[in-house]
Amino acid sequence: MPIVKTEKCFQKGFFVQQLFTTLIHPICAYMFLGDYHYLDFLSFMKSRSRCGFLPGSIAAYITKEHSTAEDRCLIFMKETINSSAKSKLTKARVKYIAFGRTYTFVGNGITCKSSADCDIKTEVCSRYQAIDQQICIPKRHINEPCDVHATCYDNNSECRYSGYTGTCQCLHDYKEIDGQCGKIGLTLWESCVKEDQCSGTKYASRCLQNQTTETNVCSCLKDYIASGSNCIKGGLSLNETCEVDQQCSGKEKANTCSNYGKSQPTCSCNYGYIEKQSRCYRINLHLFVSCDWSEQCTGSHGANECKVVEGQRICYCTDRKRILEGACFKERLTMYEECDVDMQCNGTYVGGVRKEIGHRKLCLCENGYIEDKADLICRKGQNYIRSFQGWTNNDT
């Protein structure tokens, strides 16, 4: 019961080389039976002759109805003990050598009932019309030849014809990626394998791992961020046009997209900061706090100037003001001048304090002192009695 081996060659140059190598350097116990068209060999397998033939006279059993010089197969048969005894063909191994690749499938009893009888990874059980039986046919990869019997390996491919020649090509909306057909036109957040697939959302052409799901998904390009189902420019700097706050990450403390006082939204300084010379500086700084600009010094009353004090730039009192109760106030105020704290009213000589008259805060004399409206000062407990001798001071 010999095993027949066929070499199906699609390139004539390789056919000659294979024949020469096999005859000169026999590395296994096979004998060369001749070269035939594959359909002629399949006809022999279909015939009853395969169940009782003489190995040495196989040429008498295989006709050459289809054989041509361009399309032939080398037929080898495992040597038998008695080449004159009638033999039965029980197994045939077919090797395709084409386009730099080699494909092999083995027919056990020649036929199969389903693809489960074949190598399901590389073969498919298909009916071959020449012998009117189902046999294991090798699947073809992308760009390799195919026909109604030799199907394409990739489920997302099809055998597409150009004239009389068929090759495996990817389906519509699929593209060859590393030898396989991958779906293209994927949008933001869709699962992907390669970046070539991510073409459905503008600026979302990267395939990166989602840290939450640990799967690769189509993601925004560098310097772009996801906003809903789109990718928009990120890393925007101060005063650049924006749509959402997340875009404004190009300048420190300028992460707010605002149209306040502007015709269109732009990246602006965050709340509590002001813009100076294309940078954002913190405001509401208090007395003695380091500063760069006087506009920052708004946290302490009267300490509205950023000046150098003992070698450091700090928020400090403006001219003609002094530190009183942790703030800066104008001092030596006299009667009826507006004030904020009692200590400002030291221009009244003695007894000056802050009092509220209506909605105003004024320097006035405290209880126990009387007003000298002529000199705008306060005097302690004095009654002025007019006598013929002049004014007399009587303490009360």
Protein backbone atom coordinates (compact mmCIF):
# COMPACT_ATOMS: atom_id res chain seq x y z
CA MET A 1 0.00 0.00 0.00
CA PRO A 2 2.23 2.79 -1.23
CA ILE A 3 2.05 6.44 -0.39
CA VAL A 4 2.10 8.72 -3.39
CA LYS A 5 3.73 12.11 -3.08
CA THR A 6 3.06 14.85 -5.63
CA GLU A 7 4.91 18.13 -5.99
CA LYS A 8 2.66 20.74 -7.59
CA CYS A 9 4.84 23.48 -9.08
CA PHE A 10 3.57 26.78 -10.43
CA GLN A 11 6.97 28.16 -11.42
CA LYS A 12 8.76 26.24 -14.18
CA GLY A 13 12.26 27.20 -13.02
CA PHE A 14 11.64 25.73 -9.59
CA PHE A 15 10.19 22.58 -11.15
CA VAL A 16 13.44 21.78 -12.95
CA GLN A 17 15.48 22.39 -9.80
CA GLN A 18 13.23 20.16 -7.71
CA LEU A 19 13.41 17.34 -10.24
CA PHE A 20 17.20 17.50 -10.44
CA THR A 21 17.67 17.58 -6.67
CA THR A 22 15.33 14.65 -6.08
CA LEU A 23 17.00 12.39 -8.62
CA ILE A 24 20.62 13.11 -7.77
CA HIS A 25 20.24 13.29 -3.98
CA PRO A 26 17.55 10.83 -2.85
CA ILE A 27 17.21 11.49 0.88
CA CYS A 28 14.23 9.20 1.48
CA ALA A 29 12.88 5.98 0.01
CA TYR A 30 10.82 7.53 -2.78
CA MET A 31 10.98 6.68 -6.47
CA PHE A 32 10.15 9.13 -9.22
CA LEU A 33 7.14 8.12 -11.31
CA GLY A 34 7.00 11.00 -13.75
CA ASP A 35 5.43 14.42 -14.16
CA TYR A 36 1.74 14.92 -14.78
CA HIS A 37 -0.93 17.58 -14.69
CA TYR A 38 -2.58 17.61 -11.29
CA LEU A 39 -6.04 17.03 -12.75
CA ASP A 40 -4.77 13.90 -14.50
CA PHE A 41 -3.45 12.59 -11.19
CA LEU A 42 -6.78 13.38 -9.51
CA SER A 43 -8.57 11.45 -12.24
CA PHE A 44 -6.37 8.47 -11.43
CA MET A 45 -7.25 8.76 -7.75
CA LYS A 46 -10.93 8.80 -8.66
CA SER A 47 -10.70 5.73 -10.85
CA ARG A 48 -10.91 2.11 -9.73
CA SER A 49 -7.36 1.60 -10.91
CA ARG A 50 -6.03 3.14 -7.70
CA CYS A 51 -7.25 0.05 -5.84
CA GLY A 52 -5.14 -2.40 -7.88
CA PHE A 53 -2.22 -1.12 -9.90
CA LEU A 54 1.38 -2.12 -10.46
CA PRO A 55 3.75 0.57 -9.10
CA GLY A 56 6.28 -0.07 -11.81
CA SER A 57 3.68 0.48 -14.52
CA ILE A 58 1.85 3.50 -13.11
CA ALA A 59 2.33 5.38 -16.40
CA ALA A 60 -0.19 3.04 -17.94
CA TYR A 61 -2.82 4.13 -15.41
CA ILE A 62 -2.39 7.91 -15.46
CA THR A 63 -3.47 9.61 -18.64
CA LYS A 64 -2.12 12.97 -19.81
CA GLU A 65 -5.26 14.71 -20.98
CA HIS A 66 -4.40 17.99 -19.27
CA SER A 67 -0.62 17.85 -19.03
CA THR A 68 1.33 20.78 -20.46
CA ALA A 69 4.89 21.94 -20.14
CA GLU A 70 3.78 24.91 -18.02
CA ASP A 71 1.70 23.14 -15.40
CA ARG A 72 3.01 19.79 -14.19
CA CYS A 73 3.40 17.85 -10.98
CA LEU A 74 6.24 15.57 -9.99
CA ILE A 75 4.90 12.22 -8.83
CA PHE A 76 6.91 10.20 -6.29
CA MET A 77 5.92 6.94 -4.67
CA LYS A 78 7.32 5.27 -1.61
CA GLU A 79 9.31 2.22 -2.60
CA THR A 80 7.65 -1.12 -2.01
CA ILE A 81 9.14 -4.53 -1.31
CA ASN A 82 7.64 -5.98 -4.45
CA SER A 83 7.07 -3.40 -7.16
CA SER A 84 5.40 -6.07 -9.31
CA ALA A 85 2.60 -6.75 -6.84
CA LYS A 86 -0.71 -5.00 -7.20
CA SER A 87 -1.00 -2.06 -4.84
CA LYS A 88 -3.77 0.09 -3.43
CA LEU A 89 -3.42 3.85 -3.00
CA THR A 90 -4.50 4.69 0.57
CA LYS A 91 -2.83 8.02 1.26
CA ALA A 92 -1.60 10.87 -0.87
CA ARG A 93 0.40 13.87 0.26
CA VAL A 94 0.18 16.89 -1.99
CA LYS A 95 2.76 19.65 -1.75
CA TYR A 96 2.21 22.98 -3.46
CA ILE A 97 5.29 25.07 -4.12
CA ALA A 98 4.33 28.54 -5.28
CA PHE A 99 5.33 32.16 -4.81
CA GLY A 100 8.05 31.39 -2.30
CA ARG A 101 5.79 29.30 -0.04
CA THR A 102 5.18 25.58 0.39
CA TYR A 103 1.76 24.13 1.25
CA THR A 104 1.21 20.50 2.15
CA PHE A 105 -1.92 18.53 2.86
CA VAL A 106 -2.46 14.82 3.33
CA GLY A 107 -5.47 12.95 2.09
CA ASN A 108 -6.32 9.97 4.29
CA GLY A 109 -8.26 7.76 1.98
CA ILE A 110 -8.31 10.82 -0.31
CA THR A 111 -11.62 12.16 0.99
CA CYS A 112 -12.94 14.07 4.00
CA LYS A 113 -16.41 14.64 5.38
CA SER A 114 -15.81 17.99 7.05
CA SER A 115 -12.97 20.35 7.89
CA ALA A 116 -12.66 18.54 11.22
CA ASP A 117 -11.00 15.71 9.25
CA CYS A 118 -8.32 18.16 8.07
CA ASP A 119 -5.84 20.46 9.74
CA ILE A 120 -8.41 23.11 10.64
CA LYS A 121 -5.73 25.79 10.99
CA THR A 122 -4.36 25.47 7.46
CA GLU A 123 -6.83 23.30 5.51
CA VAL A 124 -10.48 23.18 4.58
CA CYS A 125 -12.58 20.25 3.42
CA SER A 126 -13.84 21.16 -0.04
CA ARG A 127 -15.40 19.30 -2.97
CA TYR A 128 -13.03 18.98 -5.90
CA GLN A 129 -15.02 18.68 -9.10
CA ALA A 130 -12.30 16.84 -11.01
CA ILE A 131 -12.78 13.77 -8.84
CA ASP A 132 -16.23 14.68 -7.53
CA GLN A 133 -15.12 14.14 -3.92
CA GLN A 134 -14.32 16.25 -0.90
CA ILE A 135 -10.61 16.52 -0.05
CA CYS A 136 -8.51 18.63 2.33
CA ILE A 137 -7.35 21.70 0.46
CA PRO A 138 -4.80 24.14 1.97
CA LYS A 139 -6.14 27.58 2.73
CA ARG A 140 -4.44 30.50 1.03
CA HIS A 141 -3.02 33.64 2.62
CA ILE A 142 -3.41 37.21 1.46
CA ASN A 143 -2.19 37.82 -2.12
CA GLU A 144 -1.73 34.10 -2.74
CA PRO A 145 -3.50 32.28 -5.62
CA CYS A 146 -6.91 30.83 -4.92
CA ASP A 147 -9.88 29.26 -6.66
CA VAL A 148 -13.18 27.66 -5.79
CA HIS A 149 -11.32 24.74 -4.22
CA ALA A 150 -8.40 26.48 -2.52
CA THR A 151 -10.08 28.94 -0.17
CA CYS A 152 -8.57 31.93 1.59
CA TYR A 153 -7.22 31.37 5.10
CA ASP A 154 -8.39 34.69 6.56
CA ASN A 155 -12.10 34.87 7.40
CA ASN A 156 -12.10 38.53 6.41
CA SER A 157 -10.78 37.85 2.91
CA GLU A 158 -12.20 36.58 -0.36
CA CYS A 159 -10.92 35.06 -3.59
CA ARG A 160 -11.00 37.96 -6.03
CA TYR A 161 -10.43 37.39 -9.73
CA SER A 162 -8.56 39.46 -12.29
CA GLY A 163 -9.17 37.76 -15.59
CA TYR A 164 -8.72 34.03 -15.03
CA THR A 165 -6.44 34.40 -12.02
CA GLY A 166 -7.76 34.59 -8.47
CA THR A 167 -5.89 35.87 -5.43
CA CYS A 168 -6.90 36.23 -1.80
CA GLN A 169 -7.81 39.85 -1.06
CA CYS A 170 -9.24 41.56 2.01
CA LEU A 171 -12.95 42.33 2.14
CA HIS A 172 -14.25 45.89 1.81
CA ASP A 173 -13.45 47.95 4.94
CA TYR A 174 -10.55 45.60 5.72
CA LYS A 175 -6.85 46.06 5.01
CA GLU A 176 -3.84 43.76 4.95
CA ILE A 177 -1.93 44.30 8.18
CA ASP A 178 1.01 41.99 8.87
CA GLY A 179 -0.35 39.37 6.49
CA GLN A 180 -3.88 39.41 7.92
CA CYS A 181 -7.04 41.35 7.13
CA GLY A 182 -7.79 43.86 9.84
CA LYS A 183 -10.89 46.03 9.95
CA ILE A 184 -10.16 49.65 9.11
CA GLY A 185 -12.12 52.84 9.66
CA LEU A 186 -12.28 52.21 13.42
CA THR A 187 -13.34 55.20 15.48
CA LEU A 188 -12.21 56.58 18.82
CA TRP A 189 -12.25 53.98 21.66
CA GLU A 190 -12.92 50.99 19.33
CA SER A 191 -10.74 47.91 19.92
CA CYS A 192 -7.76 47.66 17.60
CA VAL A 193 -4.59 45.68 16.92
CA LYS A 194 -2.62 48.04 14.68
CA GLU A 195 -2.69 51.79 14.19
CA ASP A 196 -3.54 51.35 10.48
CA GLN A 197 -7.04 50.34 11.59
CA CYS A 198 -7.76 53.64 13.36
CA SER A 199 -8.90 55.89 10.54
CA GLY A 200 -12.54 56.54 11.39
CA THR A 201 -11.99 59.53 13.71
CA LYS A 202 -9.83 62.48 12.74
CA TYR A 203 -6.69 62.73 14.90
CA ALA A 204 -7.45 59.34 16.56
CA SER A 205 -4.96 57.19 14.65
CA ARG A 206 -3.06 55.66 17.57
CA CYS A 207 -3.75 52.17 18.95
CA LEU A 208 -2.93 52.30 22.65
CA GLN A 209 -3.74 50.23 25.72
CA ASN A 210 -6.67 51.37 27.79
CA GLN A 211 -5.43 51.26 31.38
CA THR A 212 -8.89 50.40 32.71
CA THR A 213 -9.82 47.57 30.36
CA GLU A 214 -6.22 46.57 29.48
CA THR A 215 -7.23 46.30 25.83
CA ASN A 216 -5.90 48.25 22.87
CA VAL A 217 -8.24 50.95 21.58
CA CYS A 218 -8.06 53.72 18.99
CA SER A 219 -6.76 56.80 20.78
CA CYS A 220 -6.05 60.45 20.10
CA LEU A 221 -2.71 61.55 18.68
CA LYS A 222 -0.12 63.13 20.93
CA ASP A 223 -1.07 66.73 21.82
CA TYR A 224 -4.76 65.92 21.21
CA ILE A 225 -7.41 65.05 23.77
CA ALA A 226 -10.72 63.21 23.61
CA SER A 227 -13.83 65.35 23.75
CA GLY A 228 -16.94 63.24 23.37
CA SER A 229 -16.44 61.17 20.21
CA ASN A 230 -13.82 63.52 18.73
CA CYS A 231 -10.18 64.43 19.25
CA ILE A 232 -9.39 68.12 19.66
CA LYS A 233 -6.14 69.99 20.01
CA GLY A 234 -4.66 69.94 23.50
CA GLY A 235 -1.69 71.65 25.07
CA LEU A 236 -3.04 75.11 24.21
CA SER A 237 -1.29 78.09 25.70
CA LEU A 238 -2.54 81.38 27.11
CA ASN A 239 -4.95 83.29 24.83
CA GLU A 240 -5.26 80.46 22.26
CA THR A 241 -8.79 79.70 21.04
CA CYS A 242 -10.37 76.75 22.87
CA GLU A 243 -13.57 74.78 23.40
CA VAL A 244 -13.13 73.10 26.78
CA ASP A 245 -10.90 73.63 29.83
CA GLN A 246 -9.00 70.39 29.23
CA GLN A 247 -7.39 71.85 26.11
CA CYS A 248 -5.62 74.54 28.11
CA SER A 249 -2.60 72.69 29.43
CA GLY A 250 0.24 74.46 27.64
CA LYS A 251 0.79 77.20 30.22
CA GLU A 252 0.96 76.84 33.98
CA LYS A 253 -2.08 78.23 35.86
CA ALA A 254 -3.83 79.00 32.55
CA ASN A 255 -6.23 76.03 32.44
CA THR A 256 -9.54 77.85 32.02
CA CYS A 257 -11.36 78.21 28.68
CA SER A 258 -13.28 81.48 29.06
CA ASN A 259 -14.86 84.11 26.86
CA TYR A 260 -15.02 86.71 29.65
CA GLY A 261 -14.44 90.08 28.00
CA LYS A 262 -13.59 88.40 24.68
CA SER A 263 -15.36 87.71 21.41
CA GLN A 264 -14.53 83.98 21.55
CA PRO A 265 -13.38 81.52 24.24
CA THR A 266 -9.63 81.44 24.85
CA CYS A 267 -7.32 79.85 27.39
CA SER A 268 -7.20 82.21 30.37
CA CYS A 269 -5.65 82.42 33.80
CA ASN A 270 -7.35 80.37 36.50
CA TYR A 271 -9.52 82.00 39.17
CA GLY A 272 -7.30 83.85 41.62
CA TYR A 273 -4.63 84.65 39.01
CA ILE A 274 -3.94 87.58 36.68
CA GLU A 275 -2.13 87.72 33.38
CA LYS A 276 1.10 89.69 33.14
CA GLN A 277 3.49 89.41 30.21
CA SER A 278 1.98 86.10 28.95
CA ARG A 279 2.13 84.45 32.36
CA CYS A 280 -0.33 83.92 35.19
CA TYR A 281 0.44 85.25 38.66
CA ARG A 282 -1.42 84.63 41.89
CA ILE A 283 -3.35 87.56 43.35
CA ASN A 284 -4.78 88.39 46.78
CA LEU A 285 -1.30 88.21 48.31
CA HIS A 286 -0.97 89.50 51.87
CA LEU A 287 1.49 91.80 53.57
CA PHE A 288 5.07 90.50 53.55
CA VAL A 289 4.34 87.75 50.94
CA SER A 290 6.79 87.44 48.00
CA CYS A 291 5.50 88.98 44.78
CA ASP A 292 6.43 89.99 41.23
CA TRP A 293 3.84 92.67 40.48
CA SER A 294 1.98 95.22 42.59
CA GLU A 295 -1.30 93.98 41.05
CA GLN A 296 -0.84 90.78 43.06
CA CYS A 297 -0.90 92.59 46.40
CA THR A 298 -4.60 92.78 47.19
CA GLY A 299 -4.87 90.54 50.26
CA SER A 300 -4.00 93.06 52.99
CA HIS A 301 -5.47 96.54 53.43
CA GLY A 302 -3.11 99.18 52.11
CA ALA A 303 -0.30 96.71 51.31
CA ASN A 304 -0.74 97.22 47.59
CA GLU A 305 2.80 97.75 46.44
CA CYS A 306 5.36 95.08 45.49
CA LYS A 307 8.66 96.56 46.55
CA VAL A 308 12.11 95.52 47.71
CA VAL A 309 12.33 95.44 51.48
CA GLU A 310 15.58 94.26 53.03
CA GLY A 311 16.61 92.59 49.75
CA GLN A 312 13.33 90.80 49.01
CA ARG A 313 10.38 91.75 46.80
CA ILE A 314 7.29 91.58 48.99
CA CYS A 315 3.85 93.10 49.27
CA TYR A 316 4.30 96.18 51.43
CA CYS A 317 2.73 99.46 52.47
CA THR A 318 2.53 102.26 49.98
CA ASP A 319 4.12 105.61 50.79
CA ARG A 320 2.72 107.59 53.75
CA LYS A 321 1.24 104.47 55.29
CA ARG A 322 2.46 102.38 58.19
CA ILE A 323 1.71 98.89 59.52
CA LEU A 324 -1.08 98.96 62.05
CA GLU A 325 -2.73 95.77 63.32
CA GLY A 326 -1.27 93.64 60.48
CA ALA A 327 -2.30 95.99 57.69
CA CYS A 328 -1.20 99.28 56.16
CA PHE A 329 -3.00 102.48 57.12
CA LYS A 330 -2.50 106.18 56.75
CA GLU A 331 -1.64 107.65 60.16
CA ARG A 332 -1.76 111.00 62.07
CA LEU A 333 -5.33 111.61 61.06
CA THR A 334 -7.06 114.54 62.79
CA MET A 335 -10.65 115.19 63.77
CA TYR A 336 -13.34 114.21 61.27
CA GLU A 337 -11.00 112.41 58.84
CA GLU A 338 -12.14 108.99 57.67
CA CYS A 339 -10.32 106.05 59.24
CA ASP A 340 -10.39 102.26 59.70
CA VAL A 341 -8.73 101.67 63.08
CA ASP A 342 -8.28 103.70 66.25
CA MET A 343 -4.50 103.87 65.86
CA GLN A 344 -4.84 106.05 62.79
CA CYS A 345 -6.34 108.83 64.87
CA ASN A 346 -3.06 109.89 66.48
CA GLY A 347 -3.13 113.34 64.93
CA THR A 348 -5.73 114.45 67.46
CA TYR A 349 -3.09 114.82 70.19
CA VAL A 350 -4.83 112.47 72.65
CA GLY A 351 -8.14 110.65 72.91
CA GLY A 352 -8.78 110.16 69.22
CA VAL A 353 -10.71 107.01 68.27
CA ARG A 354 -12.72 105.70 65.37
CA LYS A 355 -16.45 106.20 65.57
CA GLU A 356 -19.20 105.47 63.09
CA ILE A 357 -21.47 108.36 62.19
CA GLY A 358 -24.14 107.10 59.83
CA HIS A 359 -22.26 105.10 57.22
CA ARG A 360 -18.97 106.89 57.77
CA LYS A 361 -16.03 105.98 60.02
CA LEU A 362 -14.39 109.09 61.43
CA CYS A 363 -11.72 110.06 63.91
CA LEU A 364 -13.52 111.59 66.93
CA CYS A 365 -12.79 112.07 70.63
CA GLU A 366 -13.44 109.14 72.88
CA ASN A 367 -15.57 109.42 75.99
CA GLY A 368 -13.98 111.63 78.64
CA TYR A 369 -12.39 113.91 76.07
CA ILE A 370 -13.77 117.05 74.50
CA GLU A 371 -13.27 118.38 71.02
CA ASP A 372 -11.15 121.42 70.26
CA LYS A 373 -12.68 122.30 66.95
CA ALA A 374 -10.32 125.19 66.45
CA ASP A 375 -7.19 122.99 66.54
CA LEU A 376 -9.05 119.77 65.53
CA ILE A 377 -7.68 117.94 68.57
CA CYS A 378 -9.04 116.27 71.71
CA ARG A 379 -8.45 117.59 75.27
CA LYS A 380 -8.90 115.54 78.40
CA GLY A 381 -11.68 116.59 80.85
CA GLN A 382 -11.36 120.46 80.57
CA ASN A 383 -14.12 123.02 81.09
CA TYR A 384 -13.38 126.42 79.81
CA ILE A 385 -14.78 129.14 82.19
CA ARG A 386 -14.60 132.68 81.03
CA SER A 387 -13.90 135.28 83.68
CA PHE A 388 -12.72 138.74 83.76
CA GLN A 389 -9.24 137.41 84.41
CA GLY A 390 -9.41 135.34 81.22
CA TRP A 391 -9.77 131.65 80.78
CA THR A 392 -9.55 129.46 83.83
CA ASN A 393 -9.02 125.70 83.65
CA ASN A 394 -11.07 123.70 86.14
CA ASP A 395 -10.57 119.97 86.28
CA THR A 396 -13.78 118.09 86.63
